[in-house]
Amino acid sequence: MRRPEPAHPTEVIDVGLQSERTYLAWQRTALAFAGVGALLLYTGLSRGPALAIPGGLGLLTGVVLLAWARPRYRLMVAAAGSGRAVADRRMVVGVATAATLLALAGFAVLLAAARHSTA
């Protein structure tokens, strides 16, 4: 069954709101980076600068992603209106790599905390 066409097709650019959901997902990702980065930074400042560096980088990554999300959203909405795709695989790979490195840094913090509590 085919959907009826809207009365004004230019008003409905993104019927399924994919652009909005993607924007919100990037915001959540940025906030997760910033949150984990802030926790690592806090822990690193009390336990040593080696842990503060990944925390600062995670916090910075979160801020950059949050600032990047809005212009990217506008680009996606404009592309949806013209019918072209704007997939950016390099950004996805970069964020996945950063998330993996931040997770490993968090794991290192947990190991260091466990080592200090048994000593």
Protein backbone atom coordinates (compact mmCIF):
# COMPACT_ATOMS: atom_id res chain seq x y z
CA MET A 1 0.00 0.00 0.00
CA ARG A 2 1.41 3.36 -1.02
CA ARG A 3 1.42 6.38 1.26
CA PRO A 4 -0.63 9.34 0.13
CA GLU A 5 1.42 12.30 -1.05
CA PRO A 6 1.38 15.29 1.30
CA ALA A 7 -0.46 18.41 0.20
CA HIS A 8 2.80 20.38 0.30
CA PRO A 9 5.71 18.00 -0.38
CA THR A 10 8.33 20.64 0.43
CA GLU A 11 7.14 20.77 4.04
CA VAL A 12 7.91 17.08 4.68
CA ILE A 13 11.59 16.56 3.99
CA ASP A 14 12.37 13.69 6.34
CA VAL A 15 9.25 11.56 6.78
CA GLY A 16 10.81 9.07 9.20
CA LEU A 17 12.82 11.74 11.03
CA GLN A 18 16.07 9.88 10.32
CA SER A 19 18.08 13.10 10.40
CA GLU A 20 16.69 14.00 13.81
CA ARG A 21 17.38 10.55 15.23
CA THR A 22 20.92 10.64 13.85
CA TYR A 23 21.47 14.08 15.36
CA LEU A 24 20.27 12.87 18.75
CA ALA A 25 22.50 9.80 18.51
CA TRP A 26 25.54 12.00 17.84
CA GLN A 27 24.56 14.16 20.82
CA ARG A 28 24.35 11.09 23.06
CA THR A 29 27.72 9.89 21.78
CA ALA A 30 29.27 13.30 22.45
CA LEU A 31 27.81 13.42 25.97
CA ALA A 32 29.08 9.90 26.67
CA PHE A 33 32.59 10.90 25.55
CA ALA A 34 32.45 14.04 27.67
CA GLY A 35 31.14 12.16 30.72
CA VAL A 36 33.70 9.36 30.59
CA GLY A 37 36.43 11.86 29.77
CA ALA A 38 35.48 14.01 32.77
CA LEU A 39 35.54 10.97 35.07
CA LEU A 40 38.93 9.89 33.76
CA LEU A 41 40.24 13.43 34.10
CA TYR A 42 38.99 13.66 37.67
CA THR A 43 40.51 10.30 38.55
CA GLY A 44 43.72 11.19 36.75
CA LEU A 45 44.14 14.45 38.63
CA SER A 46 44.02 12.58 41.94
CA ARG A 47 46.08 9.53 40.89
CA GLY A 48 48.52 10.79 38.31
CA PRO A 49 48.80 12.72 35.08
CA ALA A 50 49.01 9.58 32.93
CA LEU A 51 45.30 9.00 33.51
CA ALA A 52 44.41 12.67 33.09
CA ILE A 53 45.64 12.78 29.49
CA PRO A 54 43.09 10.27 28.09
CA GLY A 55 40.43 11.93 30.20
CA GLY A 56 41.20 15.34 28.76
CA LEU A 57 41.23 13.90 25.24
CA GLY A 58 37.88 12.19 25.84
CA LEU A 59 36.37 15.40 27.18
CA LEU A 60 37.75 17.34 24.21
CA THR A 61 36.39 14.72 21.79
CA GLY A 62 32.94 15.05 23.37
CA VAL A 63 32.99 18.83 23.02
CA VAL A 64 34.12 18.63 19.38
CA LEU A 65 31.43 16.06 18.54
CA LEU A 66 28.76 18.15 20.22
CA ALA A 67 29.85 21.24 18.26
CA TRP A 68 30.00 19.20 15.04
CA ALA A 69 26.55 17.62 15.41
CA ARG A 70 24.46 20.72 14.61
CA PRO A 71 26.18 21.68 11.31
CA ARG A 72 26.14 18.02 10.29
CA TYR A 73 22.41 17.86 11.01
CA ARG A 74 21.78 20.91 8.83
CA LEU A 75 23.83 19.35 6.03
CA MET A 76 21.82 16.11 6.28
CA VAL A 77 18.48 17.94 6.16
CA ALA A 78 19.60 19.94 3.12
CA ALA A 79 20.80 16.75 1.43
CA ALA A 80 17.52 14.97 2.20
CA GLY A 81 15.67 17.84 0.56
CA SER A 82 17.74 17.47 -2.62
CA GLY A 83 17.71 13.65 -2.59
CA ARG A 84 21.47 13.08 -2.19
CA ALA A 85 23.31 11.04 0.44
CA VAL A 86 25.89 12.53 2.79
CA ALA A 87 27.36 9.47 4.52
CA ASP A 88 30.76 10.12 6.11
CA ARG A 89 32.46 6.81 6.80
CA ARG A 90 35.71 8.42 7.93
CA MET A 91 33.90 10.14 10.79
CA VAL A 92 32.28 6.91 11.90
CA VAL A 93 35.62 5.08 11.83
CA GLY A 94 37.28 7.94 13.71
CA VAL A 95 34.64 8.03 16.43
CA ALA A 96 34.69 4.23 16.77
CA THR A 97 38.48 4.32 17.16
CA ALA A 98 38.28 7.11 19.73
CA ALA A 99 35.58 5.22 21.65
CA THR A 100 37.73 2.09 21.72
CA LEU A 101 40.76 4.03 22.97
CA LEU A 102 38.68 5.78 25.63
CA ALA A 103 37.23 2.44 26.76
CA LEU A 104 40.73 1.00 27.04
CA ALA A 105 41.81 4.03 29.09
CA GLY A 106 38.80 3.50 31.36
CA PHE A 107 39.76 -0.15 31.75
CA ALA A 108 43.30 0.92 32.67
CA VAL A 109 41.85 3.20 35.36
CA LEU A 110 39.81 0.31 36.77
CA LEU A 111 42.88 -1.92 36.84
CA ALA A 112 44.94 0.78 38.54
CA ALA A 113 42.20 1.36 41.11
CA ALA A 114 41.98 -2.37 41.83
CA ARG A 115 45.74 -2.58 42.21
CA HIS A 116 45.76 0.35 44.68
CA SER A 117 42.93 -1.09 46.77
CA THR A 118 44.70 -4.45 47.24
CA ALA A 119 48.04 -2.89 48.14
